[in-house]
Amino acid sequence: HDFDNPKEIIDFLFNSSRGYYIEDPDGYSNIRADKSTSSKILSRIKSGEKIDVLDDTSNWYLIKTKEGLKGYVHKSRIKIK
């Protein structure tokens, strides 16, 4: 890993000790452009997929998929394991 600032190191250590996963009864969740159910759907992500959480300060988490896509998923669809 190439860290440019201390926050990136802290975020890496925090996220590496816990795993964030999509868990949705529909079998997938929408990844949205903004923190709203009416915002544009960028993609879908399957339940069980591990994600990186970049910001968890609201009801909508800014996430990054393993493919590098960033967007928002409602916190009710994310489980910490």
PDB file of N, CA and C in Angstrom:
ATOM      1  N   HIS A   1       0.837  -1.193   0.000  1.00  0.00           N
ATOM      2  CA  HIS A   1       0.000   0.000   0.000  1.00  0.00           C
ATOM      3  C   HIS A   1       0.871   1.242   0.000  1.00  0.00           C
ATOM      4  N   ASP A   2       0.403   2.268  -0.702  1.00  0.00           N
ATOM      5  CA  ASP A   2       1.120   3.529  -0.773  1.00  0.00           C
ATOM      6  C   ASP A   2       0.249   4.590  -0.117  1.00  0.00           C
ATOM      7  N   PHE A   3       0.587   4.962   1.105  1.00  0.00           N
ATOM      8  CA  PHE A   3      -0.238   5.907   1.861  1.00  0.00           C
ATOM      9  C   PHE A   3       0.317   7.319   1.729  1.00  0.00           C
ATOM     10  N   ASP A   4      -0.570   8.265   1.388  1.00  0.00           N
ATOM     11  CA  ASP A   4      -0.154   9.652   1.225  1.00  0.00           C
ATOM     12  C   ASP A   4      -0.325  10.476   2.491  1.00  0.00           C
ATOM     13  N   ASN A   5      -1.204  10.037   3.390  1.00  0.00           N
ATOM     14  CA  ASN A   5      -1.411  10.803   4.616  1.00  0.00           C
ATOM     15  C   ASN A   5      -1.824   9.877   5.754  1.00  0.00           C
ATOM     16  N   PRO A   6      -1.699  10.355   6.990  1.00  0.00           N
ATOM     17  CA  PRO A   6      -2.023   9.506   8.152  1.00  0.00           C
ATOM     18  C   PRO A   6      -3.463   8.992   8.163  1.00  0.00           C
ATOM     19  N   LYS A   7      -4.419   9.780   7.644  1.00  0.00           N
ATOM     20  CA  LYS A   7      -5.817   9.336   7.636  1.00  0.00           C
ATOM     21  C   LYS A   7      -5.964   8.053   6.813  1.00  0.00           C
ATOM     22  N   GLU A   8      -5.250   7.949   5.705  1.00  0.00           N
ATOM     23  CA  GLU A   8      -5.323   6.739   4.883  1.00  0.00           C
ATOM     24  C   GLU A   8      -4.816   5.522   5.655  1.00  0.00           C
ATOM     25  N   ILE A   9      -3.781   5.711   6.463  1.00  0.00           N
ATOM     26  CA  ILE A   9      -3.249   4.611   7.269  1.00  0.00           C
ATOM     27  C   ILE A   9      -4.283   4.179   8.299  1.00  0.00           C
ATOM     28  N   ILE A  10      -4.884   5.152   8.985  1.00  0.00           N
ATOM     29  CA  ILE A  10      -5.904   4.848   9.993  1.00  0.00           C
ATOM     30  C   ILE A  10      -7.089   4.143   9.350  1.00  0.00           C
ATOM     31  N   ASP A  11      -7.556   4.659   8.209  1.00  0.00           N
ATOM     32  CA  ASP A  11      -8.685   4.036   7.511  1.00  0.00           C
ATOM     33  C   ASP A  11      -8.349   2.606   7.099  1.00  0.00           C
ATOM     34  N   PHE A  12      -7.138   2.391   6.614  1.00  0.00           N
ATOM     35  CA  PHE A  12      -6.736   1.047   6.203  1.00  0.00           C
ATOM     36  C   PHE A  12      -6.741   0.096   7.393  1.00  0.00           C
ATOM     37  N   LEU A  13      -6.150   0.523   8.491  1.00  0.00           N
ATOM     38  CA  LEU A  13      -6.091  -0.331   9.680  1.00  0.00           C
ATOM     39  C   LEU A  13      -7.482  -0.609  10.225  1.00  0.00           C
ATOM     40  N   PHE A  14      -8.332   0.409  10.244  1.00  0.00           N
ATOM     41  CA  PHE A  14      -9.696   0.245  10.751  1.00  0.00           C
ATOM     42  C   PHE A  14     -10.475  -0.733   9.881  1.00  0.00           C
ATOM     43  N   ASN A  15     -10.410  -0.545   8.575  1.00  0.00           N
ATOM     44  CA  ASN A  15     -11.177  -1.401   7.671  1.00  0.00           C
ATOM     45  C   ASN A  15     -10.606  -2.812   7.581  1.00  0.00           C
ATOM     46  N   SER A  16      -9.316  -2.971   7.800  1.00  0.00           N
ATOM     47  CA  SER A  16      -8.738  -4.303   7.670  1.00  0.00           C
ATOM     48  C   SER A  16      -9.054  -5.182   8.877  1.00  0.00           C
ATOM     49  N   SER A  17      -9.422  -4.561  10.000  1.00  0.00           N
ATOM     50  CA  SER A  17      -9.737  -5.358  11.185  1.00  0.00           C
ATOM     51  C   SER A  17     -11.186  -5.838  11.187  1.00  0.00           C
ATOM     52  N   ARG A  18     -12.021  -5.228  10.374  1.00  0.00           N
ATOM     53  CA  ARG A  18     -13.420  -5.635  10.266  1.00  0.00           C
ATOM     54  C   ARG A  18     -13.774  -5.736   8.792  1.00  0.00           C
ATOM     55  N   GLY A  19     -14.770  -6.556   8.511  1.00  0.00           N
ATOM     56  CA  GLY A  19     -15.205  -6.686   7.131  1.00  0.00           C
ATOM     57  C   GLY A  19     -16.603  -6.128   6.960  1.00  0.00           C
ATOM     58  N   TYR A  20     -16.797  -5.352   5.910  1.00  0.00           N
ATOM     59  CA  TYR A  20     -18.112  -4.807   5.577  1.00  0.00           C
ATOM     60  C   TYR A  20     -18.661  -5.584   4.388  1.00  0.00           C
ATOM     61  N   TYR A  21     -19.900  -6.040   4.516  1.00  0.00           N
ATOM     62  CA  TYR A  21     -20.515  -6.868   3.482  1.00  0.00           C
ATOM     63  C   TYR A  21     -21.915  -6.370   3.157  1.00  0.00           C
ATOM     64  N   ILE A  22     -22.309  -6.531   1.902  1.00  0.00           N
ATOM     65  CA  ILE A  22     -23.677  -6.240   1.490  1.00  0.00           C
ATOM     66  C   ILE A  22     -24.570  -7.373   1.987  1.00  0.00           C
ATOM     67  N   GLU A  23     -25.685  -6.997   2.609  1.00  0.00           N
ATOM     68  CA  GLU A  23     -26.663  -7.988   3.040  1.00  0.00           C
ATOM     69  C   GLU A  23     -28.048  -7.408   2.776  1.00  0.00           C
ATOM     70  N   ASP A  24     -28.692  -7.898   1.726  1.00  0.00           N
ATOM     71  CA  ASP A  24     -29.978  -7.365   1.294  1.00  0.00           C
ATOM     72  C   ASP A  24     -30.932  -8.510   0.985  1.00  0.00           C
ATOM     73  N   PRO A  25     -32.173  -8.448   1.504  1.00  0.00           N
ATOM     74  CA  PRO A  25     -33.136  -9.523   1.239  1.00  0.00           C
ATOM     75  C   PRO A  25     -33.451  -9.706  -0.246  1.00  0.00           C
ATOM     76  N   ASP A  26     -33.250  -8.666  -1.054  1.00  0.00           N
ATOM     77  CA  ASP A  26     -33.500  -8.760  -2.497  1.00  0.00           C
ATOM     78  C   ASP A  26     -32.386  -9.507  -3.229  1.00  0.00           C
ATOM     79  N   GLY A  27     -31.272  -9.743  -2.539  1.00  0.00           N
ATOM     80  CA  GLY A  27     -30.150 -10.427  -3.175  1.00  0.00           C
ATOM     81  C   GLY A  27     -29.124  -9.477  -3.773  1.00  0.00           C
ATOM     82  N   TYR A  28     -29.426  -8.187  -3.767  1.00  0.00           N
ATOM     83  CA  TYR A  28     -28.497  -7.167  -4.262  1.00  0.00           C
ATOM     84  C   TYR A  28     -28.889  -5.820  -3.662  1.00  0.00           C
ATOM     85  N   SER A  29     -27.984  -4.865  -3.735  1.00  0.00           N
ATOM     86  CA  SER A  29     -28.269  -3.485  -3.346  1.00  0.00           C
ATOM     87  C   SER A  29     -27.871  -2.568  -4.487  1.00  0.00           C
ATOM     88  N   ASN A  30     -28.532  -1.436  -4.556  1.00  0.00           N
ATOM     89  CA  ASN A  30     -28.173  -0.421  -5.539  1.00  0.00           C
ATOM     90  C   ASN A  30     -27.044   0.441  -4.989  1.00  0.00           C
ATOM     91  N   ILE A  31     -26.097   0.752  -5.851  1.00  0.00           N
ATOM     92  CA  ILE A  31     -25.061   1.729  -5.526  1.00  0.00           C
ATOM     93  C   ILE A  31     -25.498   3.029  -6.182  1.00  0.00           C
ATOM     94  N   ARG A  32     -25.665   4.066  -5.373  1.00  0.00           N
ATOM     95  CA  ARG A  32     -26.244   5.318  -5.868  1.00  0.00           C
ATOM     96  C   ARG A  32     -25.224   6.452  -5.919  1.00  0.00           C
ATOM     97  N   ALA A  33     -25.539   7.434  -6.751  1.00  0.00           N
ATOM     98  CA  ALA A  33     -24.659   8.582  -6.946  1.00  0.00           C
ATOM     99  C   ALA A  33     -24.674   9.528  -5.750  1.00  0.00           C
ATOM    100  N   ASP A  34     -25.765   9.510  -4.975  1.00  0.00           N
ATOM    101  CA  ASP A  34     -25.886  10.413  -3.835  1.00  0.00           C
ATOM    102  C   ASP A  34     -26.638   9.712  -2.711  1.00  0.00           C
ATOM    103  N   LYS A  35     -26.773  10.392  -1.587  1.00  0.00           N
ATOM    104  CA  LYS A  35     -27.392   9.836  -0.381  1.00  0.00           C
ATOM    105  C   LYS A  35     -28.906   9.940  -0.434  1.00  0.00           C
ATOM    106  N   SER A  36     -29.529   9.300  -1.429  1.00  0.00           N
ATOM    107  CA  SER A  36     -30.979   9.378  -1.588  1.00  0.00           C
ATOM    108  C   SER A  36     -31.473   8.219  -2.442  1.00  0.00           C
ATOM    109  N   THR A  37     -32.663   7.699  -2.098  1.00  0.00           N
ATOM    110  CA  THR A  37     -33.240   6.619  -2.905  1.00  0.00           C
ATOM    111  C   THR A  37     -33.697   7.122  -4.269  1.00  0.00           C
ATOM    112  N   SER A  38     -33.785   8.437  -4.433  1.00  0.00           N
ATOM    113  CA  SER A  38     -34.182   8.985  -5.733  1.00  0.00           C
ATOM    114  C   SER A  38     -32.976   9.359  -6.599  1.00  0.00           C
ATOM    115  N   SER A  39     -31.768   9.193  -6.078  1.00  0.00           N
ATOM    116  CA  SER A  39     -30.589   9.530  -6.880  1.00  0.00           C
ATOM    117  C   SER A  39     -30.289   8.417  -7.887  1.00  0.00           C
ATOM    118  N   LYS A  40     -29.485   8.755  -8.864  1.00  0.00           N
ATOM    119  CA  LYS A  40     -29.158   7.838  -9.961  1.00  0.00           C
ATOM    120  C   LYS A  40     -28.503   6.559  -9.441  1.00  0.00           C
ATOM    121  N   ILE A  41     -28.929   5.417  -9.984  1.00  0.00           N
ATOM    122  CA  ILE A  41     -28.314   4.130  -9.664  1.00  0.00           C
ATOM    123  C   ILE A  41     -27.092   3.950 -10.563  1.00  0.00           C
ATOM    124  N   LEU A  42     -25.925   3.836  -9.940  1.00  0.00           N
ATOM    125  CA  LEU A  42     -24.682   3.661 -10.691  1.00  0.00           C
ATOM    126  C   LEU A  42     -24.454   2.201 -11.063  1.00  0.00           C
ATOM    127  N   SER A  43     -24.845   1.315 -10.159  1.00  0.00           N
ATOM    128  CA  SER A  43     -24.626  -0.112 -10.362  1.00  0.00           C
ATOM    129  C   SER A  43     -25.401  -0.873  -9.296  1.00  0.00           C
ATOM    130  N   ARG A  44     -25.341  -2.195  -9.384  1.00  0.00           N
ATOM    131  CA  ARG A  44     -25.894  -3.065  -8.347  1.00  0.00           C
ATOM    132  C   ARG A  44     -24.761  -3.911  -7.799  1.00  0.00           C
ATOM    133  N   ILE A  45     -24.885  -4.278  -6.529  1.00  0.00           N
ATOM    134  CA  ILE A  45     -23.885  -5.138  -5.909  1.00  0.00           C
ATOM    135  C   ILE A  45     -24.601  -6.281  -5.198  1.00  0.00           C
ATOM    136  N   LYS A  46     -24.101  -7.483  -5.386  1.00  0.00           N
ATOM    137  CA  LYS A  46     -24.754  -8.682  -4.847  1.00  0.00           C
ATOM    138  C   LYS A  46     -24.567  -8.794  -3.339  1.00  0.00           C
ATOM    139  N   SER A  47     -25.569  -9.366  -2.679  1.00  0.00           N
ATOM    140  CA  SER A  47     -25.434  -9.694  -1.259  1.00  0.00           C
ATOM    141  C   SER A  47     -24.254 -10.637  -1.078  1.00  0.00           C
ATOM    142  N   GLY A  48     -23.532 -10.441   0.015  1.00  0.00           N
ATOM    143  CA  GLY A  48     -22.359 -11.256   0.303  1.00  0.00           C
ATOM    144  C   GLY A  48     -21.057 -10.652  -0.173  1.00  0.00           C
ATOM    145  N   GLU A  49     -21.138  -9.624  -1.052  1.00  0.00           N
ATOM    146  CA  GLU A  49     -19.920  -8.980  -1.555  1.00  0.00           C
ATOM    147  C   GLU A  49     -19.269  -8.169  -0.443  1.00  0.00           C
ATOM    148  N   LYS A  50     -17.949  -8.280  -0.339  1.00  0.00           N
ATOM    149  CA  LYS A  50     -17.196  -7.453   0.602  1.00  0.00           C
ATOM    150  C   LYS A  50     -16.936  -6.101  -0.049  1.00  0.00           C
ATOM    151  N   ILE A  51     -17.047  -5.053   0.761  1.00  0.00           N
ATOM    152  CA  ILE A  51     -16.837  -3.694   0.257  1.00  0.00           C
ATOM    153  C   ILE A  51     -15.913  -2.941   1.200  1.00  0.00           C
ATOM    154  N   ASP A  52     -15.369  -1.846   0.703  1.00  0.00           N
ATOM    155  CA  ASP A  52     -14.641  -0.895   1.543  1.00  0.00           C
ATOM    156  C   ASP A  52     -15.587   0.239   1.872  1.00  0.00           C
ATOM    157  N   VAL A  53     -15.633   0.632   3.137  1.00  0.00           N
ATOM    158  CA  VAL A  53     -16.442   1.775   3.548  1.00  0.00           C
ATOM    159  C   VAL A  53     -15.504   2.967   3.693  1.00  0.00           C
ATOM    160  N   LEU A  54     -15.765   4.015   2.890  1.00  0.00           N
ATOM    161  CA  LEU A  54     -14.919   5.201   2.895  1.00  0.00           C
ATOM    162  C   LEU A  54     -15.440   6.262   3.851  1.00  0.00           C
ATOM    163  N   ASP A  55     -16.765   6.277   4.066  1.00  0.00           N
ATOM    164  CA  ASP A  55     -17.374   7.243   4.984  1.00  0.00           C
ATOM    165  C   ASP A  55     -18.652   6.634   5.543  1.00  0.00           C
ATOM    166  N   ASP A  56     -18.750   6.590   6.872  1.00  0.00           N
ATOM    167  CA  ASP A  56     -19.935   6.006   7.503  1.00  0.00           C
ATOM    168  C   ASP A  56     -20.566   6.977   8.498  1.00  0.00           C
ATOM    169  N   THR A  57     -20.557   8.265   8.146  1.00  0.00           N
ATOM    170  CA  THR A  57     -21.025   9.291   9.079  1.00  0.00           C
ATOM    171  C   THR A  57     -22.506   9.622   8.940  1.00  0.00           C
ATOM    172  N   SER A  58     -23.209   8.941   8.065  1.00  0.00           N
ATOM    173  CA  SER A  58     -24.643   9.216   7.916  1.00  0.00           C
ATOM    174  C   SER A  58     -25.380   7.894   7.726  1.00  0.00           C
ATOM    175  N   ASN A  59     -26.656   7.972   7.368  1.00  0.00           N
ATOM    176  CA  ASN A  59     -27.437   6.763   7.082  1.00  0.00           C
ATOM    177  C   ASN A  59     -27.027   6.116   5.766  1.00  0.00           C
ATOM    178  N   TRP A  60     -26.279   6.846   4.956  1.00  0.00           N
ATOM    179  CA  TRP A  60     -25.774   6.336   3.681  1.00  0.00           C
ATOM    180  C   TRP A  60     -24.261   6.237   3.776  1.00  0.00           C
ATOM    181  N   TYR A  61     -23.727   5.061   3.492  1.00  0.00           N
ATOM    182  CA  TYR A  61     -22.283   4.858   3.538  1.00  0.00           C
ATOM    183  C   TYR A  61     -21.697   5.052   2.145  1.00  0.00           C
ATOM    184  N   LEU A  62     -20.606   5.809   2.088  1.00  0.00           N
ATOM    185  CA  LEU A  62     -19.838   5.910   0.847  1.00  0.00           C
ATOM    186  C   LEU A  62     -18.959   4.668   0.788  1.00  0.00           C
ATOM    187  N   ILE A  63     -19.166   3.876  -0.254  1.00  0.00           N
ATOM    188  CA  ILE A  63     -18.455   2.600  -0.356  1.00  0.00           C
ATOM    189  C   ILE A  63     -17.621   2.550  -1.630  1.00  0.00           C
ATOM    190  N   LYS A  64     -16.689   1.599  -1.649  1.00  0.00           N
ATOM    191  CA  LYS A  64     -15.921   1.317  -2.863  1.00  0.00           C
ATOM    192  C   LYS A  64     -15.941  -0.188  -3.064  1.00  0.00           C
ATOM    193  N   THR A  65     -16.296  -0.597  -4.281  1.00  0.00           N
ATOM    194  CA  THR A  65     -16.327  -2.025  -4.603  1.00  0.00           C
ATOM    195  C   THR A  65     -14.916  -2.517  -4.911  1.00  0.00           C
ATOM    196  N   LYS A  66     -14.763  -3.829  -5.012  1.00  0.00           N
ATOM    197  CA  LYS A  66     -13.452  -4.392  -5.345  1.00  0.00           C
ATOM    198  C   LYS A  66     -13.013  -3.987  -6.748  1.00  0.00           C
ATOM    199  N   GLU A  67     -13.980  -3.593  -7.595  1.00  0.00           N
ATOM    200  CA  GLU A  67     -13.655  -3.114  -8.946  1.00  0.00           C
ATOM    201  C   GLU A  67     -13.267  -1.639  -8.956  1.00  0.00           C
ATOM    202  N   GLY A  68     -13.436  -0.954  -7.803  1.00  0.00           N
ATOM    203  CA  GLY A  68     -13.046   0.444  -7.702  1.00  0.00           C
ATOM    204  C   GLY A  68     -14.181   1.440  -7.851  1.00  0.00           C
ATOM    205  N   LEU A  69     -15.412   0.957  -8.042  1.00  0.00           N
ATOM    206  CA  LEU A  69     -16.557   1.859  -8.168  1.00  0.00           C
ATOM    207  C   LEU A  69     -16.904   2.446  -6.807  1.00  0.00           C
ATOM    208  N   LYS A  70     -17.109   3.771  -6.766  1.00  0.00           N
ATOM    209  CA  LYS A  70     -17.505   4.443  -5.529  1.00  0.00           C
ATOM    210  C   LYS A  70     -18.943   4.928  -5.651  1.00  0.00           C
ATOM    211  N   GLY A  71     -19.686   4.812  -4.553  1.00  0.00           N
ATOM    212  CA  GLY A  71     -21.061   5.288  -4.518  1.00  0.00           C
ATOM    213  C   GLY A  71     -21.647   5.069  -3.141  1.00  0.00           C
ATOM    214  N   TYR A  72     -22.938   5.351  -3.017  1.00  0.00           N
ATOM    215  CA  TYR A  72     -23.610   5.290  -1.723  1.00  0.00           C
ATOM    216  C   TYR A  72     -24.557   4.100  -1.629  1.00  0.00           C
ATOM    217  N   VAL A  73     -24.528   3.443  -0.452  1.00  0.00           N
ATOM    218  CA  VAL A  73     -25.444   2.353  -0.129  1.00  0.00           C
ATOM    219  C   VAL A  73     -26.013   2.651   1.257  1.00  0.00           C
ATOM    220  N   HIS A  74     -27.327   2.443   1.431  1.00  0.00           N
ATOM    221  CA  HIS A  74     -27.940   2.699   2.736  1.00  0.00           C
ATOM    222  C   HIS A  74     -27.350   1.759   3.780  1.00  0.00           C
ATOM    223  N   LYS A  75     -27.119   2.304   4.975  1.00  0.00           N
ATOM    224  CA  LYS A  75     -26.448   1.512   6.013  1.00  0.00           C
ATOM    225  C   LYS A  75     -27.225   0.267   6.423  1.00  0.00           C
ATOM    226  N   SER A  76     -28.535   0.251   6.192  1.00  0.00           N
ATOM    227  CA  SER A  76     -29.332  -0.929   6.543  1.00  0.00           C
ATOM    228  C   SER A  76     -28.992  -2.127   5.661  1.00  0.00           C
ATOM    229  N   ARG A  77     -28.283  -1.888   4.567  1.00  0.00           N
ATOM    230  CA  ARG A  77     -27.908  -2.947   3.629  1.00  0.00           C
ATOM    231  C   ARG A  77     -26.471  -3.421   3.820  1.00  0.00           C
ATOM    232  N   ILE A  78     -25.809  -2.894   4.847  1.00  0.00           N
ATOM    233  CA  ILE A  78     -24.411  -3.234   5.095  1.00  0.00           C
ATOM    234  C   ILE A  78     -24.279  -3.861   6.476  1.00  0.00           C
ATOM    235  N   LYS A  79     -23.601  -4.991   6.523  1.00  0.00           N
ATOM    236  CA  LYS A  79     -23.353  -5.682   7.789  1.00  0.00           C
ATOM    237  C   LYS A  79     -21.852  -5.739   8.042  1.00  0.00           C
ATOM    238  N   ILE A  80     -21.485  -5.619   9.312  1.00  0.00           N
ATOM    239  CA  ILE A  80     -20.087  -5.729   9.717  1.00  0.00           C
ATOM    240  C   ILE A  80     -19.887  -7.114  10.303  1.00  0.00           C
ATOM    241  N   LYS A  81     -18.898  -7.821   9.783  1.00  0.00           N
ATOM    242  CA  LYS A  81     -18.612  -9.187  10.263  1.00  0.00           C
ATOM    243  C   LYS A  81     -17.166  -9.283  10.703  1.00  0.00           C
TER     244      LYS A  81
END
